[in-house]
Amino acid sequence: MKILLAEDDRAFGTILRKELEDDGYAVDLVIDGVEAVLRAIENNYDFVILDIKMPRLDGINALKIIKKLYPSLPAITISGNAGNGEMADSVRVGALRCFTKPFVIEQLKCDVRQHLSRRSTAVGNHVG
């Protein structure tokens, strides 16, 4: 399973990538929304995690573009300083939920696992 992680805080992004890789996921880490959109176009991801506040293109607008291209691609947003309006906007444009930093990484990993498990089960049920 491949995850696209867009996080402009390199230290936090590296920690989160390692945590997800420890769970067996292949994780591509990018540092801004433009790069996230380009990577999403170039690769076949199973899940996307986007920071809301990023340079060049914020996570909400990156998510809008990604969801237009891949409507069923599941996504979670994260933010350390987004307001309630931005968090609600991210869910409105397609995020499953928004985590506010600091958050318990295990909870995010649990959400990813649960959603990918449901998704692979649904795909498996349609194979005929």
N, C-alpha and C. Protein backbone atom coordinates (compact mmCIF):
# COMPACT_ATOMS: atom_id res chain seq x y z
N MET A 1 0.84 -1.18 0.00
CA MET A 1 0.00 0.00 0.00
C MET A 1 0.89 1.25 0.00
N LYS A 2 0.54 2.21 -0.85
CA LYS A 2 1.33 3.43 -0.99
C LYS A 2 0.58 4.63 -0.44
N ILE A 3 1.30 5.43 0.35
CA ILE A 3 0.74 6.63 0.95
C ILE A 3 1.53 7.84 0.50
N LEU A 4 0.81 8.89 0.13
CA LEU A 4 1.41 10.18 -0.16
C LEU A 4 1.25 11.05 1.08
N LEU A 5 2.37 11.54 1.60
CA LEU A 5 2.37 12.38 2.79
C LEU A 5 2.93 13.75 2.40
N ALA A 6 2.12 14.79 2.55
CA ALA A 6 2.54 16.16 2.26
C ALA A 6 2.61 16.93 3.58
N GLU A 7 3.80 17.29 3.99
CA GLU A 7 4.03 17.96 5.27
C GLU A 7 5.24 18.87 5.12
N ASP A 8 5.05 20.18 5.34
CA ASP A 8 6.15 21.12 5.14
C ASP A 8 7.13 21.16 6.31
N ASP A 9 6.76 20.63 7.45
CA ASP A 9 7.69 20.51 8.58
C ASP A 9 8.46 19.21 8.37
N ARG A 10 9.69 19.34 7.86
CA ARG A 10 10.47 18.15 7.49
C ARG A 10 10.70 17.19 8.65
N ALA A 11 10.96 17.74 9.83
CA ALA A 11 11.22 16.87 10.99
C ALA A 11 9.98 16.05 11.33
N PHE A 12 8.82 16.71 11.41
CA PHE A 12 7.59 15.99 11.72
C PHE A 12 7.23 15.03 10.59
N GLY A 13 7.40 15.47 9.35
CA GLY A 13 7.12 14.60 8.20
C GLY A 13 7.96 13.34 8.22
N THR A 14 9.23 13.49 8.58
CA THR A 14 10.13 12.34 8.65
C THR A 14 9.69 11.36 9.74
N ILE A 15 9.29 11.89 10.88
CA ILE A 15 8.81 11.03 11.98
C ILE A 15 7.54 10.29 11.55
N LEU A 16 6.60 11.02 10.96
CA LEU A 16 5.35 10.40 10.54
C LEU A 16 5.58 9.37 9.44
N ARG A 17 6.47 9.68 8.49
CA ARG A 17 6.79 8.71 7.44
C ARG A 17 7.36 7.43 8.05
N LYS A 18 8.29 7.56 8.99
CA LYS A 18 8.88 6.37 9.62
C LYS A 18 7.82 5.55 10.35
N GLU A 19 6.93 6.23 11.07
CA GLU A 19 5.86 5.52 11.78
C GLU A 19 4.99 4.72 10.81
N LEU A 20 4.65 5.32 9.68
CA LEU A 20 3.82 4.63 8.68
C LEU A 20 4.59 3.51 8.00
N GLU A 21 5.87 3.74 7.72
CA GLU A 21 6.70 2.69 7.12
C GLU A 21 6.85 1.51 8.07
N ASP A 22 6.92 1.79 9.38
CA ASP A 22 7.00 0.72 10.37
C ASP A 22 5.75 -0.16 10.34
N ASP A 23 4.64 0.38 9.86
CA ASP A 23 3.40 -0.39 9.71
C ASP A 23 3.33 -1.10 8.35
N GLY A 24 4.38 -0.97 7.55
CA GLY A 24 4.45 -1.70 6.28
C GLY A 24 4.03 -0.93 5.05
N TYR A 25 3.76 0.38 5.20
CA TYR A 25 3.36 1.18 4.04
C TYR A 25 4.58 1.76 3.34
N ALA A 26 4.47 1.93 2.03
CA ALA A 26 5.46 2.68 1.27
C ALA A 26 4.99 4.13 1.30
N VAL A 27 5.84 5.04 1.75
CA VAL A 27 5.42 6.43 1.95
C VAL A 27 6.32 7.37 1.16
N ASP A 28 5.70 8.22 0.34
CA ASP A 28 6.40 9.30 -0.34
C ASP A 28 6.12 10.58 0.41
N LEU A 29 7.17 11.27 0.84
CA LEU A 29 7.05 12.52 1.59
C LEU A 29 7.38 13.69 0.68
N VAL A 30 6.47 14.66 0.59
CA VAL A 30 6.69 15.90 -0.14
C VAL A 30 6.45 17.07 0.80
N ILE A 31 6.95 18.26 0.42
CA ILE A 31 6.90 19.38 1.36
C ILE A 31 5.95 20.51 0.98
N ASP A 32 5.22 20.37 -0.14
CA ASP A 32 4.25 21.40 -0.46
C ASP A 32 3.12 20.83 -1.31
N GLY A 33 2.05 21.63 -1.44
CA GLY A 33 0.86 21.17 -2.14
C GLY A 33 1.04 20.94 -3.62
N VAL A 34 1.86 21.76 -4.28
CA VAL A 34 2.11 21.57 -5.72
C VAL A 34 2.77 20.22 -5.95
N GLU A 35 3.79 19.93 -5.16
CA GLU A 35 4.48 18.65 -5.28
C GLU A 35 3.53 17.49 -4.97
N ALA A 36 2.63 17.68 -4.03
CA ALA A 36 1.66 16.63 -3.69
C ALA A 36 0.77 16.31 -4.89
N VAL A 37 0.27 17.35 -5.54
CA VAL A 37 -0.59 17.14 -6.71
C VAL A 37 0.18 16.44 -7.83
N LEU A 38 1.41 16.90 -8.08
CA LEU A 38 2.21 16.28 -9.13
C LEU A 38 2.50 14.81 -8.83
N ARG A 39 2.83 14.51 -7.60
CA ARG A 39 3.08 13.11 -7.22
C ARG A 39 1.83 12.26 -7.34
N ALA A 40 0.69 12.83 -6.95
CA ALA A 40 -0.58 12.10 -7.05
C ALA A 40 -0.88 11.74 -8.50
N ILE A 41 -0.54 12.63 -9.42
CA ILE A 41 -0.76 12.38 -10.84
C ILE A 41 0.19 11.30 -11.36
N GLU A 42 1.43 11.33 -10.88
CA GLU A 42 2.47 10.42 -11.37
C GLU A 42 2.38 9.02 -10.77
N ASN A 43 1.77 8.87 -9.63
CA ASN A 43 1.79 7.60 -8.90
C ASN A 43 0.38 7.15 -8.56
N ASN A 44 0.27 5.88 -8.25
CA ASN A 44 -1.00 5.30 -7.86
C ASN A 44 -1.00 5.09 -6.33
N TYR A 45 -1.54 6.08 -5.62
CA TYR A 45 -1.56 6.01 -4.15
C TYR A 45 -2.84 5.39 -3.64
N ASP A 46 -2.73 4.79 -2.46
CA ASP A 46 -3.88 4.20 -1.79
C ASP A 46 -4.46 5.14 -0.74
N PHE A 47 -3.65 6.14 -0.32
CA PHE A 47 -4.08 7.04 0.74
C PHE A 47 -3.25 8.31 0.66
N VAL A 48 -3.85 9.44 1.07
CA VAL A 48 -3.15 10.72 1.06
C VAL A 48 -3.32 11.38 2.44
N ILE A 49 -2.21 11.93 2.95
CA ILE A 49 -2.23 12.71 4.18
C ILE A 49 -1.64 14.07 3.84
N LEU A 50 -2.42 15.12 4.08
CA LEU A 50 -2.00 16.47 3.69
C LEU A 50 -2.03 17.43 4.87
N ASP A 51 -0.93 18.16 5.05
CA ASP A 51 -0.94 19.28 5.99
C ASP A 51 -1.78 20.38 5.36
N ILE A 52 -2.57 21.09 6.14
CA ILE A 52 -3.40 22.15 5.58
C ILE A 52 -2.56 23.38 5.21
N LYS A 53 -1.66 23.78 6.08
CA LYS A 53 -0.84 24.98 5.84
C LYS A 53 0.50 24.55 5.23
N MET A 54 0.63 24.79 3.91
CA MET A 54 1.88 24.48 3.20
C MET A 54 2.18 25.58 2.20
N PRO A 55 3.46 25.72 1.83
CA PRO A 55 3.81 26.73 0.83
C PRO A 55 3.31 26.36 -0.57
N ARG A 56 3.27 27.35 -1.43
CA ARG A 56 2.88 27.28 -2.84
C ARG A 56 1.43 26.90 -3.06
N LEU A 57 0.94 25.86 -2.44
CA LEU A 57 -0.45 25.44 -2.56
C LEU A 57 -0.83 24.77 -1.25
N ASP A 58 -1.87 25.29 -0.58
CA ASP A 58 -2.23 24.73 0.72
C ASP A 58 -2.89 23.35 0.55
N GLY A 59 -3.01 22.66 1.64
CA GLY A 59 -3.54 21.31 1.62
C GLY A 59 -4.98 21.20 1.16
N ILE A 60 -5.79 22.21 1.46
CA ILE A 60 -7.20 22.17 1.05
C ILE A 60 -7.30 22.26 -0.47
N ASN A 61 -6.57 23.20 -1.08
CA ASN A 61 -6.62 23.33 -2.53
C ASN A 61 -5.96 22.15 -3.23
N ALA A 62 -4.89 21.62 -2.64
CA ALA A 62 -4.27 20.41 -3.19
C ALA A 62 -5.27 19.25 -3.14
N LEU A 63 -5.98 19.14 -2.04
CA LEU A 63 -6.98 18.07 -1.89
C LEU A 63 -8.11 18.22 -2.91
N LYS A 64 -8.55 19.47 -3.15
CA LYS A 64 -9.59 19.69 -4.16
C LYS A 64 -9.16 19.14 -5.51
N ILE A 65 -7.93 19.42 -5.91
CA ILE A 65 -7.42 18.96 -7.21
C ILE A 65 -7.30 17.45 -7.22
N ILE A 66 -6.72 16.90 -6.17
CA ILE A 66 -6.52 15.44 -6.10
C ILE A 66 -7.87 14.72 -6.13
N LYS A 67 -8.85 15.23 -5.40
CA LYS A 67 -10.17 14.59 -5.36
C LYS A 67 -10.91 14.71 -6.70
N LYS A 68 -10.65 15.79 -7.44
CA LYS A 68 -11.25 15.92 -8.77
C LYS A 68 -10.71 14.84 -9.71
N LEU A 69 -9.41 14.56 -9.55
CA LEU A 69 -8.76 13.55 -10.39
C LEU A 69 -9.06 12.13 -9.91
N TYR A 70 -9.09 11.95 -8.61
CA TYR A 70 -9.26 10.62 -8.00
C TYR A 70 -10.29 10.71 -6.88
N PRO A 71 -11.58 10.75 -7.23
CA PRO A 71 -12.62 10.98 -6.22
C PRO A 71 -12.67 9.96 -5.09
N SER A 72 -12.26 8.72 -5.35
CA SER A 72 -12.36 7.69 -4.31
C SER A 72 -11.08 7.54 -3.48
N LEU A 73 -10.06 8.35 -3.76
CA LEU A 73 -8.81 8.26 -3.01
C LEU A 73 -9.02 8.83 -1.60
N PRO A 74 -8.86 8.01 -0.57
CA PRO A 74 -9.09 8.50 0.79
C PRO A 74 -7.98 9.44 1.25
N ALA A 75 -8.35 10.43 2.06
CA ALA A 75 -7.40 11.42 2.53
C ALA A 75 -7.72 11.86 3.94
N ILE A 76 -6.66 12.23 4.65
CA ILE A 76 -6.77 12.84 5.98
C ILE A 76 -5.96 14.13 5.92
N THR A 77 -6.44 15.17 6.58
CA THR A 77 -5.67 16.39 6.69
C THR A 77 -5.17 16.55 8.13
N ILE A 78 -4.06 17.28 8.24
CA ILE A 78 -3.48 17.56 9.55
C ILE A 78 -3.10 19.04 9.58
N SER A 79 -3.13 19.63 10.77
CA SER A 79 -2.74 21.03 10.87
C SER A 79 -2.36 21.39 12.29
N GLY A 80 -1.40 22.28 12.38
CA GLY A 80 -0.99 22.79 13.67
C GLY A 80 -1.61 24.14 13.98
N ASN A 81 -2.08 24.83 12.94
CA ASN A 81 -2.59 26.18 13.18
C ASN A 81 -3.76 26.57 12.30
N ALA A 82 -4.47 25.60 11.76
CA ALA A 82 -5.66 25.92 10.97
C ALA A 82 -6.82 26.22 11.91
N GLY A 83 -7.67 27.12 11.49
CA GLY A 83 -8.87 27.42 12.27
C GLY A 83 -9.94 26.38 12.02
N ASN A 84 -11.01 26.45 12.79
CA ASN A 84 -12.11 25.50 12.63
C ASN A 84 -12.70 25.54 11.23
N GLY A 85 -12.75 26.74 10.63
CA GLY A 85 -13.28 26.86 9.27
C GLY A 85 -12.45 26.09 8.26
N GLU A 86 -11.13 26.19 8.37
CA GLU A 86 -10.26 25.46 7.45
C GLU A 86 -10.36 23.96 7.67
N MET A 87 -10.46 23.56 8.92
CA MET A 87 -10.59 22.13 9.20
C MET A 87 -11.91 21.60 8.61
N ALA A 88 -12.98 22.36 8.78
CA ALA A 88 -14.27 21.95 8.21
C ALA A 88 -14.21 21.95 6.69
N ASP A 89 -13.53 22.94 6.10
CA ASP A 89 -13.38 22.99 4.65
C ASP A 89 -12.67 21.75 4.13
N SER A 90 -11.65 21.30 4.85
CA SER A 90 -10.90 20.12 4.38
C SER A 90 -11.80 18.89 4.36
N VAL A 91 -12.68 18.76 5.33
CA VAL A 91 -13.61 17.63 5.35
C VAL A 91 -14.66 17.81 4.25
N ARG A 92 -15.11 19.03 4.07
CA ARG A 92 -16.10 19.31 3.02
C ARG A 92 -15.58 18.96 1.63
N VAL A 93 -14.29 19.18 1.38
CA VAL A 93 -13.74 18.87 0.05
C VAL A 93 -13.28 17.43 -0.09
N GLY A 94 -13.40 16.64 0.99
CA GLY A 94 -13.15 15.22 0.83
C GLY A 94 -12.27 14.52 1.84
N ALA A 95 -11.73 15.24 2.82
CA ALA A 95 -10.93 14.56 3.84
C ALA A 95 -11.84 13.74 4.75
N LEU A 96 -11.38 12.59 5.16
CA LEU A 96 -12.13 11.76 6.10
C LEU A 96 -12.24 12.45 7.45
N ARG A 97 -11.15 13.12 7.84
CA ARG A 97 -11.12 13.90 9.07
C ARG A 97 -9.88 14.76 9.08
N CYS A 98 -9.83 15.69 10.03
CA CYS A 98 -8.67 16.56 10.18
C CYS A 98 -8.12 16.39 11.59
N PHE A 99 -6.84 16.08 11.68
CA PHE A 99 -6.17 15.98 12.97
C PHE A 99 -5.49 17.30 13.28
N THR A 100 -5.63 17.77 14.53
CA THR A 100 -4.97 18.99 14.98
C THR A 100 -3.69 18.62 15.72
N LYS A 101 -2.58 19.20 15.29
CA LYS A 101 -1.29 18.96 15.96
C LYS A 101 -1.29 19.69 17.30
N PRO A 102 -0.73 19.11 18.31
CA PRO A 102 -0.19 17.75 18.33
C PRO A 102 -1.31 16.73 18.45
N PHE A 103 -1.11 15.60 17.82
CA PHE A 103 -2.09 14.53 17.91
C PHE A 103 -1.35 13.23 18.17
N VAL A 104 -2.10 12.21 18.54
CA VAL A 104 -1.52 10.91 18.81
C VAL A 104 -1.34 10.20 17.47
N ILE A 105 -0.10 9.97 17.08
CA ILE A 105 0.19 9.37 15.78
C ILE A 105 -0.49 8.01 15.65
N GLU A 106 -0.58 7.28 16.74
CA GLU A 106 -1.23 5.96 16.70
C GLU A 106 -2.69 6.07 16.25
N GLN A 107 -3.37 7.15 16.62
CA GLN A 107 -4.76 7.33 16.19
C GLN A 107 -4.84 7.54 14.69
N LEU A 108 -3.91 8.34 14.15
CA LEU A 108 -3.88 8.55 12.69
C LEU A 108 -3.59 7.22 11.99
N LYS A 109 -2.62 6.49 12.50
CA LYS A 109 -2.28 5.19 11.91
C LYS A 109 -3.47 4.23 11.97
N CYS A 110 -4.20 4.26 13.06
CA CYS A 110 -5.39 3.42 13.20
C CYS A 110 -6.44 3.78 12.15
N ASP A 111 -6.66 5.08 11.94
CA ASP A 111 -7.61 5.52 10.92
C ASP A 111 -7.18 5.05 9.53
N VAL A 112 -5.90 5.19 9.23
CA VAL A 112 -5.37 4.76 7.92
C VAL A 112 -5.59 3.26 7.76
N ARG A 113 -5.20 2.49 8.77
CA ARG A 113 -5.36 1.02 8.71
C ARG A 113 -6.81 0.62 8.49
N GLN A 114 -7.71 1.22 9.28
CA GLN A 114 -9.12 0.86 9.18
C GLN A 114 -9.67 1.19 7.80
N HIS A 115 -9.32 2.36 7.30
CA HIS A 115 -9.88 2.75 6.00
C HIS A 115 -9.30 1.91 4.87
N LEU A 116 -8.01 1.64 4.92
CA LEU A 116 -7.42 0.82 3.86
C LEU A 116 -7.91 -0.61 3.94
N SER A 117 -8.16 -1.09 5.14
CA SER A 117 -8.70 -2.44 5.30
C SER A 117 -10.10 -2.54 4.70
N ARG A 118 -10.94 -1.53 4.99
CA ARG A 118 -12.29 -1.51 4.42
C ARG A 118 -12.23 -1.39 2.90
N ARG A 119 -11.32 -0.57 2.42
CA ARG A 119 -11.21 -0.34 0.98
C ARG A 119 -10.76 -1.62 0.26
N SER A 120 -9.77 -2.32 0.82
CA SER A 120 -9.29 -3.54 0.16
C SER A 120 -10.35 -4.65 0.23
N THR A 121 -11.12 -4.67 1.32
CA THR A 121 -12.21 -5.64 1.43
C THR A 121 -13.28 -5.36 0.38
N ALA A 122 -13.61 -4.08 0.21
CA ALA A 122 -14.61 -3.71 -0.80
C ALA A 122 -14.14 -4.06 -2.20
N VAL A 123 -12.86 -3.81 -2.49
CA VAL A 123 -12.30 -4.14 -3.80
C VAL A 123 -12.31 -5.66 -3.98
N GLY A 124 -11.93 -6.38 -2.92
CA GLY A 124 -11.92 -7.84 -2.99
C GLY A 124 -13.28 -8.42 -3.23
N ASN A 125 -14.32 -7.80 -2.67
CA ASN A 125 -15.68 -8.29 -2.85
C ASN A 125 -16.19 -8.09 -4.26
N HIS A 126 -15.58 -7.15 -5.00
CA HIS A 126 -16.04 -6.88 -6.36
C HIS A 126 -15.26 -7.65 -7.41
N VAL A 127 -14.25 -8.38 -6.99
CA VAL A 127 -13.47 -9.18 -7.94
C VAL A 127 -14.28 -10.41 -8.27
N GLY A 128 -14.43 -10.70 -9.54
CA GLY A 128 -15.29 -11.82 -9.81
C GLY A 128 -14.77 -12.69 -10.84
